[in-house]
PDB file of N, CA and C in Angstrom:
ATOM      1  N   MET A   1       6.851 -10.138 -71.073  1.00  0.00           N
ATOM      2  CA  MET A   1       6.392 -10.308 -69.794  1.00  0.00           C
ATOM      3  C   MET A   1       7.426 -10.220 -68.622  1.00  0.00           C
ATOM      4  N   SER A   2       8.587 -10.377 -68.931  1.00  0.00           N
ATOM      5  CA  SER A   2       9.700 -10.411 -67.934  1.00  0.00           C
ATOM      6  C   SER A   2       9.964  -9.101 -67.359  1.00  0.00           C
ATOM      7  N   ILE A   3       9.490  -8.016 -68.042  1.00  0.00           N
ATOM      8  CA  ILE A   3       9.641  -6.626 -67.489  1.00  0.00           C
ATOM      9  C   ILE A   3       8.924  -6.517 -66.173  1.00  0.00           C
ATOM     10  N   PHE A   4       7.858  -7.242 -66.001  1.00  0.00           N
ATOM     11  CA  PHE A   4       7.100  -7.217 -64.753  1.00  0.00           C
ATOM     12  C   PHE A   4       7.517  -8.293 -63.598  1.00  0.00           C
ATOM     13  N   ASP A   5       8.470  -9.164 -64.097  1.00  0.00           N
ATOM     14  CA  ASP A   5       8.756 -10.293 -63.213  1.00  0.00           C
ATOM     15  C   ASP A   5      10.194 -10.066 -62.688  1.00  0.00           C
ATOM     16  N   VAL A   6      10.343 -10.361 -61.430  1.00  0.00           N
ATOM     17  CA  VAL A   6      11.681 -10.157 -60.915  1.00  0.00           C
ATOM     18  C   VAL A   6      12.538 -11.491 -60.913  1.00  0.00           C
ATOM     19  N   GLY A   7      11.911 -12.599 -61.124  1.00  0.00           N
ATOM     20  CA  GLY A   7      12.452 -13.999 -61.172  1.00  0.00           C
ATOM     21  C   GLY A   7      13.186 -14.141 -62.469  1.00  0.00           C
ATOM     22  N   GLU A   8      13.903 -15.352 -62.485  1.00  0.00           N
ATOM     23  CA  GLU A   8      14.591 -15.746 -63.732  1.00  0.00           C
ATOM     24  C   GLU A   8      13.658 -16.376 -64.645  1.00  0.00           C
ATOM     25  N   ARG A   9      13.753 -16.056 -65.903  1.00  0.00           N
ATOM     26  CA  ARG A   9      12.800 -16.489 -66.960  1.00  0.00           C
ATOM     27  C   ARG A   9      13.075 -17.973 -67.275  1.00  0.00           C
ATOM     28  N   THR A  10      12.034 -18.777 -67.419  1.00  0.00           N
ATOM     29  CA  THR A  10      12.165 -20.132 -67.778  1.00  0.00           C
ATOM     30  C   THR A  10      11.565 -20.530 -69.033  1.00  0.00           C
ATOM     31  N   ASP A  11      11.066 -19.514 -69.804  1.00  0.00           N
ATOM     32  CA  ASP A  11      10.487 -19.756 -70.998  1.00  0.00           C
ATOM     33  C   ASP A  11      11.571 -19.855 -72.194  1.00  0.00           C
ATOM     34  N   PHE A  12      11.222 -20.581 -73.248  1.00  0.00           N
ATOM     35  CA  PHE A  12      12.182 -20.710 -74.352  1.00  0.00           C
ATOM     36  C   PHE A  12      11.348 -20.907 -75.588  1.00  0.00           C
ATOM     37  N   ALA A  13      12.067 -20.668 -76.734  1.00  0.00           N
ATOM     38  CA  ALA A  13      11.411 -20.797 -77.951  1.00  0.00           C
ATOM     39  C   ALA A  13      12.375 -21.616 -78.896  1.00  0.00           C
ATOM     40  N   THR A  14      11.780 -22.147 -79.863  1.00  0.00           N
ATOM     41  CA  THR A  14      12.559 -22.927 -80.940  1.00  0.00           C
ATOM     42  C   THR A  14      12.212 -22.388 -82.262  1.00  0.00           C
ATOM     43  N   THR A  15      13.083 -22.116 -83.051  1.00  0.00           N
ATOM     44  CA  THR A  15      12.782 -21.631 -84.410  1.00  0.00           C
ATOM     45  C   THR A  15      12.688 -22.645 -85.399  1.00  0.00           C
ATOM     46  N   MET A  16      11.851 -22.549 -86.436  1.00  0.00           N
ATOM     47  CA  MET A  16      11.768 -23.368 -87.415  1.00  0.00           C
ATOM     48  C   MET A  16      12.662 -23.272 -88.618  1.00  0.00           C
ATOM     49  N   GLU A  17      13.387 -22.113 -88.640  1.00  0.00           N
ATOM     50  CA  GLU A  17      14.344 -21.772 -89.656  1.00  0.00           C
ATOM     51  C   GLU A  17      15.420 -20.973 -89.139  1.00  0.00           C
ATOM     52  N   GLU A  18      16.481 -20.802 -89.734  1.00  0.00           N
ATOM     53  CA  GLU A  18      17.566 -19.975 -89.256  1.00  0.00           C
ATOM     54  C   GLU A  18      17.109 -18.610 -88.853  1.00  0.00           C
ATOM     55  N   SER A  19      17.526 -18.114 -87.673  1.00  0.00           N
ATOM     56  CA  SER A  19      17.025 -16.830 -87.198  1.00  0.00           C
ATOM     57  C   SER A  19      18.051 -16.066 -86.522  1.00  0.00           C
ATOM     58  N   LEU A  20      17.831 -14.730 -86.479  1.00  0.00           N
ATOM     59  CA  LEU A  20      18.707 -13.695 -85.885  1.00  0.00           C
ATOM     60  C   LEU A  20      17.989 -13.350 -84.545  1.00  0.00           C
ATOM     61  N   ILE A  21      18.622 -13.614 -83.441  1.00  0.00           N
ATOM     62  CA  ILE A  21      17.956 -13.239 -82.126  1.00  0.00           C
ATOM     63  C   ILE A  21      18.704 -12.109 -81.550  1.00  0.00           C
ATOM     64  N   CYS A  22      17.896 -11.097 -81.091  1.00  0.00           N
ATOM     65  CA  CYS A  22      18.520  -9.921 -80.454  1.00  0.00           C
ATOM     66  C   CYS A  22      18.056  -9.799 -79.074  1.00  0.00           C
ATOM     67  N   ALA A  23      18.922  -9.278 -78.212  1.00  0.00           N
ATOM     68  CA  ALA A  23      18.542  -9.277 -76.743  1.00  0.00           C
ATOM     69  C   ALA A  23      18.688  -7.823 -76.315  1.00  0.00           C
ATOM     70  N   ILE A  24      17.910  -7.413 -75.346  1.00  0.00           N
ATOM     71  CA  ILE A  24      17.844  -6.045 -74.776  1.00  0.00           C
ATOM     72  C   ILE A  24      17.793  -6.195 -73.223  1.00  0.00           C
ATOM     73  N   SER A  25      18.517  -5.492 -72.427  1.00  0.00           N
ATOM     74  CA  SER A  25      18.495  -5.473 -71.015  1.00  0.00           C
ATOM     75  C   SER A  25      16.991  -5.024 -70.652  1.00  0.00           C
ATOM     76  N   LYS A  26      16.617  -5.546 -69.504  1.00  0.00           N
ATOM     77  CA  LYS A  26      15.252  -5.133 -68.871  1.00  0.00           C
ATOM     78  C   LYS A  26      15.334  -3.642 -68.640  1.00  0.00           C
ATOM     79  N   ASP A  27      16.324  -3.073 -68.172  1.00  0.00           N
ATOM     80  CA  ASP A  27      16.409  -1.614 -67.953  1.00  0.00           C
ATOM     81  C   ASP A  27      16.245  -0.734 -69.258  1.00  0.00           C
ATOM     82  N   ASP A  28      17.013  -1.254 -70.267  1.00  0.00           N
ATOM     83  CA  ASP A  28      16.957  -0.541 -71.574  1.00  0.00           C
ATOM     84  C   ASP A  28      15.450  -0.668 -72.228  1.00  0.00           C
ATOM     85  N   PHE A  29      14.980  -1.817 -72.051  1.00  0.00           N
ATOM     86  CA  PHE A  29      13.584  -1.973 -72.636  1.00  0.00           C
ATOM     87  C   PHE A  29      12.606  -1.158 -71.916  1.00  0.00           C
ATOM     88  N   LYS A  30      12.665  -1.099 -70.513  1.00  0.00           N
ATOM     89  CA  LYS A  30      11.777  -0.277 -69.777  1.00  0.00           C
ATOM     90  C   LYS A  30      11.911   1.213 -70.208  1.00  0.00           C
ATOM     91  N   SER A  31      13.052   1.623 -70.301  1.00  0.00           N
ATOM     92  CA  SER A  31      13.406   2.975 -70.659  1.00  0.00           C
ATOM     93  C   SER A  31      12.735   3.332 -72.087  1.00  0.00           C
ATOM     94  N   PHE A  32      12.964   2.370 -73.128  1.00  0.00           N
ATOM     95  CA  PHE A  32      12.486   2.500 -74.412  1.00  0.00           C
ATOM     96  C   PHE A  32      10.981   2.595 -74.362  1.00  0.00           C
ATOM     97  N   VAL A  33      10.317   1.710 -73.622  1.00  0.00           N
ATOM     98  CA  VAL A  33       8.816   1.648 -73.560  1.00  0.00           C
ATOM     99  C   VAL A  33       8.227   2.911 -72.976  1.00  0.00           C
ATOM    100  N   GLU A  34       8.911   3.487 -71.927  1.00  0.00           N
ATOM    101  CA  GLU A  34       8.487   4.763 -71.324  1.00  0.00           C
ATOM    102  C   GLU A  34       8.530   5.831 -72.165  1.00  0.00           C
ATOM    103  N   LYS A  35       9.455   5.935 -73.190  1.00  0.00           N
ATOM    104  CA  LYS A  35       9.574   6.882 -74.289  1.00  0.00           C
ATOM    105  C   LYS A  35       8.697   6.685 -75.416  1.00  0.00           C
ATOM    106  N   ASN A  36       8.059   5.673 -75.533  1.00  0.00           N
ATOM    107  CA  ASN A  36       7.189   5.339 -76.729  1.00  0.00           C
ATOM    108  C   ASN A  36       5.783   4.896 -76.245  1.00  0.00           C
ATOM    109  N   PRO A  37       4.922   5.802 -76.121  1.00  0.00           N
ATOM    110  CA  PRO A  37       3.631   5.562 -75.569  1.00  0.00           C
ATOM    111  C   PRO A  37       2.774   4.579 -76.400  1.00  0.00           C
ATOM    112  N   ASN A  38       2.951   4.599 -77.695  1.00  0.00           N
ATOM    113  CA  ASN A  38       2.232   3.818 -78.663  1.00  0.00           C
ATOM    114  C   ASN A  38       2.628   2.236 -78.273  1.00  0.00           C
ATOM    115  N   LEU A  39       3.935   2.078 -78.194  1.00  0.00           N
ATOM    116  CA  LEU A  39       4.407   0.740 -77.726  1.00  0.00           C
ATOM    117  C   LEU A  39       3.896   0.293 -76.438  1.00  0.00           C
ATOM    118  N   ASN A  40       3.950   1.232 -75.433  1.00  0.00           N
ATOM    119  CA  ASN A  40       3.345   0.956 -74.217  1.00  0.00           C
ATOM    120  C   ASN A  40       1.953   0.356 -74.237  1.00  0.00           C
ATOM    121  N   LEU A  41       1.210   1.102 -75.118  1.00  0.00           N
ATOM    122  CA  LEU A  41      -0.262   0.722 -75.179  1.00  0.00           C
ATOM    123  C   LEU A  41      -0.419  -0.590 -75.867  1.00  0.00           C
ATOM    124  N   GLU A  42       0.439  -1.009 -76.863  1.00  0.00           N
ATOM    125  CA  GLU A  42       0.372  -2.206 -77.566  1.00  0.00           C
ATOM    126  C   GLU A  42       0.792  -3.399 -76.574  1.00  0.00           C
ATOM    127  N   ILE A  43       1.717  -3.171 -75.777  1.00  0.00           N
ATOM    128  CA  ILE A  43       2.136  -4.102 -74.751  1.00  0.00           C
ATOM    129  C   ILE A  43       1.096  -4.366 -73.758  1.00  0.00           C
ATOM    130  N   SER A  44       0.439  -3.250 -73.415  1.00  0.00           N
ATOM    131  CA  SER A  44      -0.807  -3.496 -72.366  1.00  0.00           C
ATOM    132  C   SER A  44      -1.887  -4.226 -73.025  1.00  0.00           C
ATOM    133  N   LYS A  45      -2.094  -4.059 -74.299  1.00  0.00           N
ATOM    134  CA  LYS A  45      -3.201  -4.917 -74.961  1.00  0.00           C
ATOM    135  C   LYS A  45      -2.783  -6.345 -75.016  1.00  0.00           C
ATOM    136  N   LEU A  46      -1.464  -6.612 -75.270  1.00  0.00           N
ATOM    137  CA  LEU A  46      -1.047  -7.927 -75.354  1.00  0.00           C
ATOM    138  C   LEU A  46      -1.078  -8.626 -74.037  1.00  0.00           C
ATOM    139  N   ILE A  47      -0.746  -7.901 -72.970  1.00  0.00           N
ATOM    140  CA  ILE A  47      -0.863  -8.500 -71.692  1.00  0.00           C
ATOM    141  C   ILE A  47      -2.309  -8.833 -71.279  1.00  0.00           C
ATOM    142  N   GLY A  48      -3.298  -7.853 -71.578  1.00  0.00           N
ATOM    143  CA  GLY A  48      -4.602  -8.057 -71.317  1.00  0.00           C
ATOM    144  C   GLY A  48      -5.181  -9.296 -72.130  1.00  0.00           C
ATOM    145  N   PHE A  49      -4.773  -9.456 -73.410  1.00  0.00           N
ATOM    146  CA  PHE A  49      -5.133 -10.639 -74.140  1.00  0.00           C
ATOM    147  C   PHE A  49      -4.726 -11.906 -73.552  1.00  0.00           C
ATOM    148  N   ARG A  50      -3.479 -11.989 -73.174  1.00  0.00           N
ATOM    149  CA  ARG A  50      -2.854 -13.155 -72.491  1.00  0.00           C
ATOM    150  C   ARG A  50      -3.597 -13.505 -71.090  1.00  0.00           C
ATOM    151  N   MET A  51      -3.904 -12.531 -70.457  1.00  0.00           N
ATOM    152  CA  MET A  51      -4.599 -12.671 -69.127  1.00  0.00           C
ATOM    153  C   MET A  51      -5.938 -13.179 -69.285  1.00  0.00           C
ATOM    154  N   ARG A  52      -6.675 -12.721 -70.398  1.00  0.00           N
ATOM    155  CA  ARG A  52      -8.016 -13.240 -70.717  1.00  0.00           C
ATOM    156  C   ARG A  52      -7.888 -14.663 -71.272  1.00  0.00           C
ATOM    157  N   LYS A  53      -7.037 -14.994 -72.047  1.00  0.00           N
ATOM    158  CA  LYS A  53      -6.792 -16.321 -72.534  1.00  0.00           C
ATOM    159  C   LYS A  53      -6.455 -17.235 -71.389  1.00  0.00           C
ATOM    160  N   TYR A  54      -5.573 -16.918 -70.404  1.00  0.00           N
ATOM    161  CA  TYR A  54      -5.398 -17.777 -69.315  1.00  0.00           C
ATOM    162  C   TYR A  54      -6.577 -17.994 -68.382  1.00  0.00           C
ATOM    163  N   SER A  55      -7.371 -16.915 -68.282  1.00  0.00           N
ATOM    164  CA  SER A  55      -8.472 -16.954 -67.423  1.00  0.00           C
ATOM    165  C   SER A  55      -9.613 -17.979 -68.069  1.00  0.00           C
ATOM    166  N   GLU A  56      -9.655 -17.908 -69.366  1.00  0.00           N
ATOM    167  CA  GLU A  56     -10.604 -18.795 -70.068  1.00  0.00           C
ATOM    168  C   GLU A  56     -10.192 -20.310 -69.950  1.00  0.00           C
ATOM    169  N   ARG A  57      -8.812 -20.489 -69.884  1.00  0.00           N
ATOM    170  CA  ARG A  57      -8.295 -21.888 -69.755  1.00  0.00           C
ATOM    171  C   ARG A  57      -8.567 -22.320 -68.354  1.00  0.00           C
ATOM    172  N   ILE A  58      -8.428 -21.470 -67.406  1.00  0.00           N
ATOM    173  CA  ILE A  58      -8.729 -21.945 -66.002  1.00  0.00           C
ATOM    174  C   ILE A  58     -10.169 -22.270 -65.764  1.00  0.00           C
ATOM    175  N   ALA A  59     -11.185 -21.429 -66.477  1.00  0.00           N
ATOM    176  CA  ALA A  59     -12.507 -21.673 -66.274  1.00  0.00           C
ATOM    177  C   ALA A  59     -12.925 -22.916 -66.914  1.00  0.00           C
ATOM    178  N   GLU A  60     -12.274 -23.407 -68.031  1.00  0.00           N
ATOM    179  CA  GLU A  60     -12.656 -24.583 -68.578  1.00  0.00           C
ATOM    180  C   GLU A  60     -12.242 -25.877 -67.731  1.00  0.00           C
TER     181      GLU A  60
END
């Protein structure tokens, strides 16, 4: 989601087992998504799903 946000990210995650974390710059990720239309579609679906979920929470 941070690709659409200009502010600093405040989210974090905790792993339940040893994990390898990989990072990519926002510009590199944006370029990669622009070159991969299927990934772009999947990200759009994910964003829509999250927005619907948040809207349902607000409605409750």
